[in-house]
Each structure stands twice: as C-alpha cells, then as structure tokens.
Amino acid sequence: MSKKPKNRLDEQIDENLRRVYQTAASEPVPDRFTQLLDQLRKAEGDKPNSEADA
C-alpha cells in the first residue's frame, strides 16, 4: 500500500490535532478523577484475594 503525499491542508490538520492533544495531555488530572481512582483502589483492596485473582 503506497502512501499518498500529504497536501498542506492535511499537514495543518495533523499539526493542529497534535497541538490540541499535547495541550490536553499536559493538563493535570482533575481532583474528582483522583478521588474516584482512590475509591476504586480502596474497594479493590477490600476484596478477598480469590476475587482479585479471577
């Protein structure tokens, strides 16, 4: 399968998507998500070992 050379519009779209993704990826995790993850970890820790292995 041969790749078609990208035109300038495709390059701009790629560049903008990369920029938006990079910005979102560098933002801190919201406190609410961190709290939910802590609750899930605690709930997992409360389960008997036999369920954790299943």
C-alpha atoms as a PDB file:
ATOM      1  CA  MET A   1       0.000   0.000   0.000  1.00  0.00           C
ATOM      2  CA  SER A   2       1.562   3.274  -1.074  1.00  0.00           C
ATOM      3  CA  LYS A   3       1.075   6.428   0.941  1.00  0.00           C
ATOM      4  CA  LYS A   4      -0.215   9.487  -0.837  1.00  0.00           C
ATOM      5  CA  PRO A   5       1.827  12.635  -0.167  1.00  0.00           C
ATOM      6  CA  LYS A   6       0.008  14.932   2.226  1.00  0.00           C
ATOM      7  CA  ASN A   7      -1.202  18.239   0.967  1.00  0.00           C
ATOM      8  CA  ARG A   8      -0.807  21.410   3.028  1.00  0.00           C
ATOM      9  CA  LEU A   9      -4.338  21.197   4.452  1.00  0.00           C
ATOM     10  CA  ASP A  10      -3.738  17.660   5.745  1.00  0.00           C
ATOM     11  CA  GLU A  11      -0.454  18.803   7.304  1.00  0.00           C
ATOM     12  CA  GLN A  12      -2.208  21.695   9.051  1.00  0.00           C
ATOM     13  CA  ILE A  13      -4.923  19.394  10.380  1.00  0.00           C
ATOM     14  CA  ASP A  14      -2.299  16.956  11.678  1.00  0.00           C
ATOM     15  CA  GLU A  15      -0.355  19.779  13.296  1.00  0.00           C
ATOM     16  CA  ASN A  16      -3.452  21.236  14.986  1.00  0.00           C
ATOM     17  CA  LEU A  17      -4.606  17.827  16.256  1.00  0.00           C
ATOM     18  CA  ARG A  18      -1.136  17.180  17.701  1.00  0.00           C
ATOM     19  CA  ARG A  19      -1.163  20.575  19.414  1.00  0.00           C
ATOM     20  CA  VAL A  20      -4.627  20.040  20.941  1.00  0.00           C
ATOM     21  CA  TYR A  21      -3.718  16.527  22.095  1.00  0.00           C
ATOM     22  CA  GLN A  22      -0.450  17.725  23.622  1.00  0.00           C
ATOM     23  CA  THR A  23      -2.234  20.526  25.482  1.00  0.00           C
ATOM     24  CA  ALA A  24      -4.887  18.152  26.861  1.00  0.00           C
ATOM     25  CA  ALA A  25      -2.287  15.524  27.798  1.00  0.00           C
ATOM     26  CA  SER A  26      -0.253  18.049  29.783  1.00  0.00           C
ATOM     27  CA  GLU A  27      -3.203  19.237  31.898  1.00  0.00           C
ATOM     28  CA  PRO A  28      -3.396  17.941  35.472  1.00  0.00           C
ATOM     29  CA  VAL A  29      -5.895  15.223  36.336  1.00  0.00           C
ATOM     30  CA  PRO A  30      -8.985  16.796  37.942  1.00  0.00           C
ATOM     31  CA  ASP A  31      -9.317  16.240  41.705  1.00  0.00           C
ATOM     32  CA  ARG A  32     -12.633  14.418  41.227  1.00  0.00           C
ATOM     33  CA  PHE A  33     -10.967  11.796  38.999  1.00  0.00           C
ATOM     34  CA  THR A  34      -8.166  11.326  41.509  1.00  0.00           C
ATOM     35  CA  GLN A  35     -10.721  10.837  44.277  1.00  0.00           C
ATOM     36  CA  LEU A  36     -12.638   8.283  42.208  1.00  0.00           C
ATOM     37  CA  LEU A  37      -9.439   6.368  41.447  1.00  0.00           C
ATOM     38  CA  ASP A  38      -8.585   6.318  45.159  1.00  0.00           C
ATOM     39  CA  GLN A  39     -12.057   4.960  45.939  1.00  0.00           C
ATOM     40  CA  LEU A  40     -11.671   2.223  43.316  1.00  0.00           C
ATOM     41  CA  ARG A  41      -8.249   1.250  44.646  1.00  0.00           C
ATOM     42  CA  LYS A  42      -9.630   1.081  48.174  1.00  0.00           C
ATOM     43  CA  ALA A  43     -12.574  -1.047  47.001  1.00  0.00           C
ATOM     44  CA  GLU A  44     -10.164  -3.388  45.196  1.00  0.00           C
ATOM     45  CA  GLY A  45      -8.093  -3.667  48.360  1.00  0.00           C
ATOM     46  CA  ASP A  46     -11.186  -4.658  50.374  1.00  0.00           C
ATOM     47  CA  LYS A  47     -11.981  -7.638  48.112  1.00  0.00           C
ATOM     48  CA  PRO A  48     -10.950 -11.157  49.144  1.00  0.00           C
ATOM     49  CA  ASN A  49      -7.884 -12.491  47.325  1.00  0.00           C
ATOM     50  CA  SER A  50      -9.871 -15.157  45.476  1.00  0.00           C
ATOM     51  CA  GLU A  51     -11.868 -12.488  43.596  1.00  0.00           C
ATOM     52  CA  ALA A  52      -8.765 -10.438  42.763  1.00  0.00           C
ATOM     53  CA  ASP A  53      -7.170 -13.477  41.107  1.00  0.00           C
ATOM     54  CA  ALA A  54     -10.247 -14.306  38.993  1.00  0.00           C
END
